[in-house]
Amino acid sequence: MSVVSDPRATLAEIAAQCGAGFPTPTRNDDQGVFEQPWQATAFALTVALHQKGLFSWPDWAAALSRRIAIDANDDGRRYYDHWLAALEEMIERRHLGSAQELVQLRLAWEEAAERTPHGQPIEL
């Protein structure tokens, strides 16, 4: 059973699985869709939580739309910042994790990134 389909999985376990083994989608011009690895992880985690039935896609779209609307001056470069904020909102609203757990997970990722040699996958 994958961690993503295990209802007892922690946010850290789900995030770790989502960051490993997911190919980065590419556009036709062979540039990556994601500018940063964290963007791919946030995308994969969102899809995994939706596939688990933890929120509907219309609910997700509404949360993302609200976040984008808040930043009227954004020219699209902060799209995944909005994505991440909407994901955190959904996680908290659905009681899948607390604000404190999200902060701890963010700090763990930052620490893991600092200790990981350039070009190597980041592991929690």
N, C-alpha and C. Protein backbone atom coordinates (compact mmCIF):
# COMPACT_ATOMS: atom_id res chain seq x y z
N MET A 1 0.85 -1.17 0.00
CA MET A 1 0.00 0.00 0.00
C MET A 1 0.90 1.24 0.00
N SER A 2 0.59 2.18 -0.87
CA SER A 2 1.39 3.40 -0.92
C SER A 2 1.04 4.28 0.27
N VAL A 3 1.98 5.12 0.65
CA VAL A 3 1.76 6.04 1.75
C VAL A 3 0.60 6.97 1.42
N VAL A 4 0.51 7.39 0.15
CA VAL A 4 -0.53 8.34 -0.23
C VAL A 4 -1.92 7.75 -0.03
N SER A 5 -2.07 6.45 -0.22
CA SER A 5 -3.39 5.84 -0.05
C SER A 5 -3.63 5.35 1.38
N ASP A 6 -2.65 5.49 2.27
CA ASP A 6 -2.79 5.07 3.66
C ASP A 6 -3.40 6.21 4.47
N PRO A 7 -4.61 6.04 5.01
CA PRO A 7 -5.24 7.14 5.75
C PRO A 7 -4.50 7.53 7.02
N ARG A 8 -3.57 6.70 7.49
CA ARG A 8 -2.81 7.02 8.71
C ARG A 8 -1.51 7.73 8.39
N ALA A 9 -1.21 7.95 7.09
CA ALA A 9 0.05 8.58 6.70
C ALA A 9 0.11 10.02 7.23
N THR A 10 1.30 10.42 7.64
CA THR A 10 1.50 11.79 8.09
C THR A 10 1.74 12.68 6.89
N LEU A 11 1.62 13.99 7.09
CA LEU A 11 1.93 14.92 6.01
C LEU A 11 3.36 14.74 5.51
N ALA A 12 4.28 14.53 6.41
CA ALA A 12 5.68 14.35 6.01
C ALA A 12 5.84 13.10 5.14
N GLU A 13 5.16 12.02 5.50
CA GLU A 13 5.25 10.79 4.70
C GLU A 13 4.65 10.98 3.32
N ILE A 14 3.51 11.66 3.26
CA ILE A 14 2.88 11.91 1.96
C ILE A 14 3.77 12.81 1.12
N ALA A 15 4.28 13.88 1.72
CA ALA A 15 5.14 14.81 0.98
C ALA A 15 6.40 14.11 0.49
N ALA A 16 6.99 13.25 1.33
CA ALA A 16 8.20 12.53 0.92
C ALA A 16 7.91 11.62 -0.26
N GLN A 17 6.78 10.93 -0.23
CA GLN A 17 6.45 10.05 -1.35
C GLN A 17 6.16 10.85 -2.61
N CYS A 18 5.50 11.96 -2.46
CA CYS A 18 5.17 12.78 -3.63
C CYS A 18 6.41 13.37 -4.26
N GLY A 19 7.44 13.59 -3.46
CA GLY A 19 8.67 14.14 -4.03
C GLY A 19 9.55 13.10 -4.67
N ALA A 20 9.26 11.83 -4.45
CA ALA A 20 10.11 10.76 -4.99
C ALA A 20 9.34 9.96 -6.02
N GLY A 21 9.95 9.75 -7.14
CA GLY A 21 9.37 8.88 -8.14
C GLY A 21 8.34 9.52 -9.05
N PHE A 22 8.07 10.80 -8.88
CA PHE A 22 7.14 11.48 -9.76
C PHE A 22 7.95 12.13 -10.87
N PRO A 23 7.73 11.74 -12.11
CA PRO A 23 8.46 12.41 -13.18
C PRO A 23 7.96 13.84 -13.32
N THR A 24 8.85 14.72 -13.66
CA THR A 24 8.47 16.10 -13.89
C THR A 24 7.87 16.20 -15.29
N PRO A 25 6.62 16.62 -15.42
CA PRO A 25 6.04 16.78 -16.74
C PRO A 25 6.81 17.82 -17.54
N THR A 26 6.83 17.67 -18.84
CA THR A 26 7.52 18.64 -19.68
C THR A 26 6.57 19.21 -20.70
N ARG A 27 6.91 20.40 -21.16
CA ARG A 27 6.16 21.03 -22.24
C ARG A 27 6.73 20.55 -23.56
N ASN A 28 6.11 20.92 -24.65
CA ASN A 28 6.56 20.51 -25.97
C ASN A 28 7.96 21.01 -26.29
N ASP A 29 8.37 22.12 -25.71
CA ASP A 29 9.69 22.68 -26.00
C ASP A 29 10.77 22.11 -25.08
N ASP A 30 10.46 21.04 -24.37
CA ASP A 30 11.38 20.32 -23.50
C ASP A 30 11.86 21.13 -22.29
N GLN A 31 11.23 22.25 -21.99
CA GLN A 31 11.52 22.95 -20.75
C GLN A 31 10.63 22.35 -19.68
N GLY A 32 11.12 22.28 -18.46
CA GLY A 32 10.31 21.76 -17.39
C GLY A 32 9.10 22.64 -17.12
N VAL A 33 8.02 22.02 -16.71
CA VAL A 33 6.82 22.76 -16.36
C VAL A 33 7.06 23.54 -15.07
N PHE A 34 7.86 22.99 -14.20
CA PHE A 34 8.12 23.58 -12.90
C PHE A 34 9.50 24.20 -12.89
N GLU A 35 9.58 25.41 -12.34
CA GLU A 35 10.87 26.08 -12.25
C GLU A 35 11.70 25.57 -11.09
N GLN A 36 11.02 25.10 -10.03
CA GLN A 36 11.69 24.62 -8.83
C GLN A 36 11.12 23.27 -8.44
N PRO A 37 11.94 22.39 -7.86
CA PRO A 37 11.42 21.08 -7.44
C PRO A 37 10.26 21.15 -6.46
N TRP A 38 10.25 22.16 -5.58
CA TRP A 38 9.16 22.26 -4.60
C TRP A 38 7.82 22.46 -5.29
N GLN A 39 7.83 23.09 -6.46
CA GLN A 39 6.59 23.31 -7.19
C GLN A 39 6.00 21.98 -7.65
N ALA A 40 6.87 21.10 -8.14
CA ALA A 40 6.41 19.76 -8.57
C ALA A 40 5.89 18.97 -7.38
N THR A 41 6.55 19.11 -6.24
CA THR A 41 6.11 18.40 -5.03
C THR A 41 4.75 18.92 -4.57
N ALA A 42 4.57 20.23 -4.58
CA ALA A 42 3.27 20.81 -4.18
C ALA A 42 2.17 20.35 -5.13
N PHE A 43 2.48 20.32 -6.41
CA PHE A 43 1.51 19.86 -7.40
C PHE A 43 1.14 18.40 -7.15
N ALA A 44 2.16 17.55 -6.98
CA ALA A 44 1.93 16.12 -6.76
C ALA A 44 1.16 15.87 -5.47
N LEU A 45 1.49 16.61 -4.42
CA LEU A 45 0.79 16.44 -3.15
C LEU A 45 -0.68 16.83 -3.29
N THR A 46 -0.95 17.90 -4.02
CA THR A 46 -2.34 18.32 -4.25
C THR A 46 -3.12 17.24 -4.97
N VAL A 47 -2.52 16.71 -6.03
CA VAL A 47 -3.19 15.67 -6.81
C VAL A 47 -3.41 14.42 -5.94
N ALA A 48 -2.40 14.05 -5.16
CA ALA A 48 -2.52 12.86 -4.30
C ALA A 48 -3.63 13.02 -3.26
N LEU A 49 -3.71 14.19 -2.64
CA LEU A 49 -4.75 14.42 -1.64
C LEU A 49 -6.13 14.43 -2.29
N HIS A 50 -6.23 15.00 -3.48
CA HIS A 50 -7.50 14.97 -4.21
C HIS A 50 -7.88 13.53 -4.55
N GLN A 51 -6.92 12.74 -5.03
CA GLN A 51 -7.20 11.35 -5.39
C GLN A 51 -7.61 10.52 -4.18
N LYS A 52 -7.14 10.91 -3.01
CA LYS A 52 -7.57 10.24 -1.77
C LYS A 52 -8.99 10.63 -1.39
N GLY A 53 -9.55 11.61 -2.08
CA GLY A 53 -10.91 12.06 -1.78
C GLY A 53 -10.98 13.06 -0.64
N LEU A 54 -9.86 13.69 -0.33
CA LEU A 54 -9.83 14.61 0.81
C LEU A 54 -10.38 15.99 0.46
N PHE A 55 -10.47 16.29 -0.82
CA PHE A 55 -11.18 17.48 -1.28
C PHE A 55 -11.51 17.31 -2.74
N SER A 56 -12.56 18.00 -3.17
CA SER A 56 -12.97 17.92 -4.57
C SER A 56 -12.15 18.89 -5.40
N TRP A 57 -12.11 18.66 -6.70
CA TRP A 57 -11.37 19.57 -7.56
C TRP A 57 -12.03 20.96 -7.60
N PRO A 58 -13.37 21.07 -7.62
CA PRO A 58 -13.97 22.41 -7.55
C PRO A 58 -13.60 23.15 -6.26
N ASP A 59 -13.53 22.44 -5.13
CA ASP A 59 -13.10 23.09 -3.88
C ASP A 59 -11.66 23.58 -4.01
N TRP A 60 -10.81 22.75 -4.63
CA TRP A 60 -9.42 23.13 -4.83
C TRP A 60 -9.33 24.37 -5.73
N ALA A 61 -10.05 24.34 -6.83
CA ALA A 61 -10.01 25.47 -7.77
C ALA A 61 -10.47 26.76 -7.10
N ALA A 62 -11.48 26.67 -6.25
CA ALA A 62 -11.97 27.85 -5.54
C ALA A 62 -10.91 28.38 -4.58
N ALA A 63 -10.24 27.49 -3.86
CA ALA A 63 -9.19 27.92 -2.93
C ALA A 63 -8.04 28.58 -3.68
N LEU A 64 -7.62 27.99 -4.79
CA LEU A 64 -6.53 28.57 -5.58
C LEU A 64 -6.95 29.91 -6.17
N SER A 65 -8.18 30.00 -6.66
CA SER A 65 -8.68 31.26 -7.23
C SER A 65 -8.69 32.36 -6.19
N ARG A 66 -9.10 32.03 -4.95
CA ARG A 66 -9.10 33.03 -3.87
C ARG A 66 -7.70 33.55 -3.62
N ARG A 67 -6.73 32.64 -3.58
CA ARG A 67 -5.35 33.04 -3.32
C ARG A 67 -4.79 33.92 -4.43
N ILE A 68 -5.10 33.59 -5.65
CA ILE A 68 -4.63 34.39 -6.78
C ILE A 68 -5.27 35.76 -6.75
N ALA A 69 -6.56 35.83 -6.43
CA ALA A 69 -7.29 37.10 -6.41
C ALA A 69 -6.75 38.05 -5.35
N ILE A 70 -6.21 37.52 -4.27
CA ILE A 70 -5.66 38.35 -3.19
C ILE A 70 -4.50 39.19 -3.70
N ASP A 71 -3.72 38.64 -4.62
CA ASP A 71 -2.50 39.29 -5.12
C ASP A 71 -2.76 39.86 -6.52
N ALA A 72 -3.49 40.97 -6.57
CA ALA A 72 -3.90 41.56 -7.84
C ALA A 72 -2.72 42.03 -8.69
N ASN A 73 -1.56 42.26 -8.07
CA ASN A 73 -0.40 42.75 -8.82
C ASN A 73 0.48 41.64 -9.37
N ASP A 74 0.14 40.40 -9.11
CA ASP A 74 0.96 39.28 -9.58
C ASP A 74 0.82 39.16 -11.10
N ASP A 75 1.95 38.99 -11.76
CA ASP A 75 1.95 38.85 -13.21
C ASP A 75 2.03 37.38 -13.63
N GLY A 76 1.79 36.49 -12.70
CA GLY A 76 1.83 35.06 -13.00
C GLY A 76 3.09 34.38 -12.50
N ARG A 77 4.08 35.15 -12.12
CA ARG A 77 5.34 34.56 -11.65
C ARG A 77 5.21 33.92 -10.27
N ARG A 78 4.17 34.27 -9.54
CA ARG A 78 3.99 33.73 -8.18
C ARG A 78 2.92 32.64 -8.15
N TYR A 79 2.59 32.08 -9.30
CA TYR A 79 1.51 31.10 -9.40
C TYR A 79 1.67 29.97 -8.38
N TYR A 80 2.86 29.39 -8.28
CA TYR A 80 3.04 28.27 -7.37
C TYR A 80 3.13 28.72 -5.91
N ASP A 81 3.46 29.97 -5.66
CA ASP A 81 3.34 30.48 -4.29
C ASP A 81 1.87 30.48 -3.88
N HIS A 82 1.01 30.90 -4.82
CA HIS A 82 -0.43 30.87 -4.56
C HIS A 82 -0.91 29.43 -4.42
N TRP A 83 -0.38 28.56 -5.26
CA TRP A 83 -0.73 27.14 -5.22
C TRP A 83 -0.43 26.58 -3.83
N LEU A 84 0.77 26.85 -3.35
CA LEU A 84 1.18 26.35 -2.04
C LEU A 84 0.31 26.93 -0.92
N ALA A 85 0.02 28.21 -0.99
CA ALA A 85 -0.84 28.83 0.03
C ALA A 85 -2.23 28.21 0.02
N ALA A 86 -2.77 27.94 -1.17
CA ALA A 86 -4.09 27.29 -1.28
C ALA A 86 -4.02 25.87 -0.73
N LEU A 87 -2.94 25.16 -1.01
CA LEU A 87 -2.79 23.79 -0.50
C LEU A 87 -2.73 23.80 1.02
N GLU A 88 -1.97 24.72 1.59
CA GLU A 88 -1.90 24.82 3.05
C GLU A 88 -3.27 25.15 3.64
N GLU A 89 -3.99 26.03 2.97
CA GLU A 89 -5.35 26.37 3.41
C GLU A 89 -6.24 25.13 3.41
N MET A 90 -6.18 24.35 2.33
CA MET A 90 -7.01 23.15 2.24
C MET A 90 -6.64 22.13 3.32
N ILE A 91 -5.36 21.99 3.56
CA ILE A 91 -4.89 21.04 4.58
C ILE A 91 -5.41 21.44 5.95
N GLU A 92 -5.32 22.73 6.26
CA GLU A 92 -5.81 23.20 7.56
C GLU A 92 -7.34 23.11 7.64
N ARG A 93 -8.02 23.55 6.60
CA ARG A 93 -9.49 23.57 6.61
C ARG A 93 -10.06 22.17 6.72
N ARG A 94 -9.41 21.19 6.13
CA ARG A 94 -9.89 19.81 6.16
C ARG A 94 -9.34 19.05 7.36
N HIS A 95 -8.63 19.75 8.24
CA HIS A 95 -8.04 19.16 9.45
C HIS A 95 -7.11 18.00 9.12
N LEU A 96 -6.37 18.15 8.02
CA LEU A 96 -5.37 17.15 7.63
C LEU A 96 -4.04 17.43 8.29
N GLY A 97 -3.88 18.63 8.77
CA GLY A 97 -2.66 19.04 9.45
C GLY A 97 -2.88 20.42 10.02
N SER A 98 -2.09 20.75 11.01
CA SER A 98 -2.23 22.05 11.67
C SER A 98 -1.22 23.04 11.08
N ALA A 99 -1.44 24.30 11.38
CA ALA A 99 -0.50 25.33 10.95
C ALA A 99 0.90 25.02 11.50
N GLN A 100 0.96 24.55 12.74
CA GLN A 100 2.24 24.21 13.35
C GLN A 100 2.92 23.07 12.60
N GLU A 101 2.16 22.05 12.22
CA GLU A 101 2.74 20.94 11.46
C GLU A 101 3.26 21.41 10.10
N LEU A 102 2.53 22.32 9.49
CA LEU A 102 2.97 22.84 8.19
C LEU A 102 4.27 23.64 8.33
N VAL A 103 4.38 24.43 9.38
CA VAL A 103 5.61 25.17 9.63
C VAL A 103 6.76 24.20 9.88
N GLN A 104 6.53 23.17 10.68
CA GLN A 104 7.58 22.18 10.96
C GLN A 104 8.01 21.46 9.69
N LEU A 105 7.05 21.13 8.83
CA LEU A 105 7.37 20.46 7.58
C LEU A 105 8.17 21.39 6.66
N ARG A 106 7.78 22.66 6.61
CA ARG A 106 8.52 23.63 5.79
C ARG A 106 9.96 23.76 6.28
N LEU A 107 10.13 23.85 7.61
CA LEU A 107 11.48 23.95 8.17
C LEU A 107 12.30 22.70 7.88
N ALA A 108 11.67 21.54 7.97
CA ALA A 108 12.37 20.28 7.67
C ALA A 108 12.85 20.26 6.22
N TRP A 109 12.00 20.73 5.29
CA TRP A 109 12.40 20.79 3.88
C TRP A 109 13.55 21.77 3.69
N GLU A 110 13.48 22.94 4.35
CA GLU A 110 14.55 23.93 4.22
C GLU A 110 15.87 23.38 4.74
N GLU A 111 15.83 22.70 5.88
CA GLU A 111 17.04 22.11 6.45
C GLU A 111 17.59 21.01 5.54
N ALA A 112 16.69 20.20 4.99
CA ALA A 112 17.12 19.14 4.08
C ALA A 112 17.75 19.73 2.83
N ALA A 113 17.19 20.81 2.33
CA ALA A 113 17.74 21.46 1.13
C ALA A 113 19.13 22.02 1.40
N GLU A 114 19.33 22.58 2.59
CA GLU A 114 20.63 23.15 2.94
C GLU A 114 21.73 22.10 3.02
N ARG A 115 21.37 20.91 3.47
CA ARG A 115 22.40 19.87 3.64
C ARG A 115 22.56 18.98 2.40
N THR A 116 21.74 19.20 1.38
CA THR A 116 21.79 18.38 0.18
C THR A 116 22.70 19.01 -0.86
N PRO A 117 23.67 18.25 -1.35
CA PRO A 117 24.55 18.79 -2.40
C PRO A 117 23.75 19.18 -3.65
N HIS A 118 24.21 20.24 -4.30
CA HIS A 118 23.54 20.73 -5.51
C HIS A 118 23.40 19.60 -6.53
N GLY A 119 22.23 19.49 -7.09
CA GLY A 119 21.98 18.49 -8.13
C GLY A 119 21.48 17.17 -7.60
N GLN A 120 21.49 16.98 -6.28
CA GLN A 120 21.02 15.74 -5.68
C GLN A 120 19.57 15.91 -5.22
N PRO A 121 18.81 14.81 -5.20
CA PRO A 121 17.43 14.93 -4.70
C PRO A 121 17.41 15.25 -3.21
N ILE A 122 16.47 16.08 -2.82
CA ILE A 122 16.31 16.44 -1.42
C ILE A 122 15.49 15.36 -0.73
N GLU A 123 16.02 14.87 0.39
CA GLU A 123 15.32 13.86 1.17
C GLU A 123 15.12 14.37 2.59
N LEU A 124 13.91 14.16 3.09
CA LEU A 124 13.64 14.57 4.47
C LEU A 124 14.31 13.63 5.44
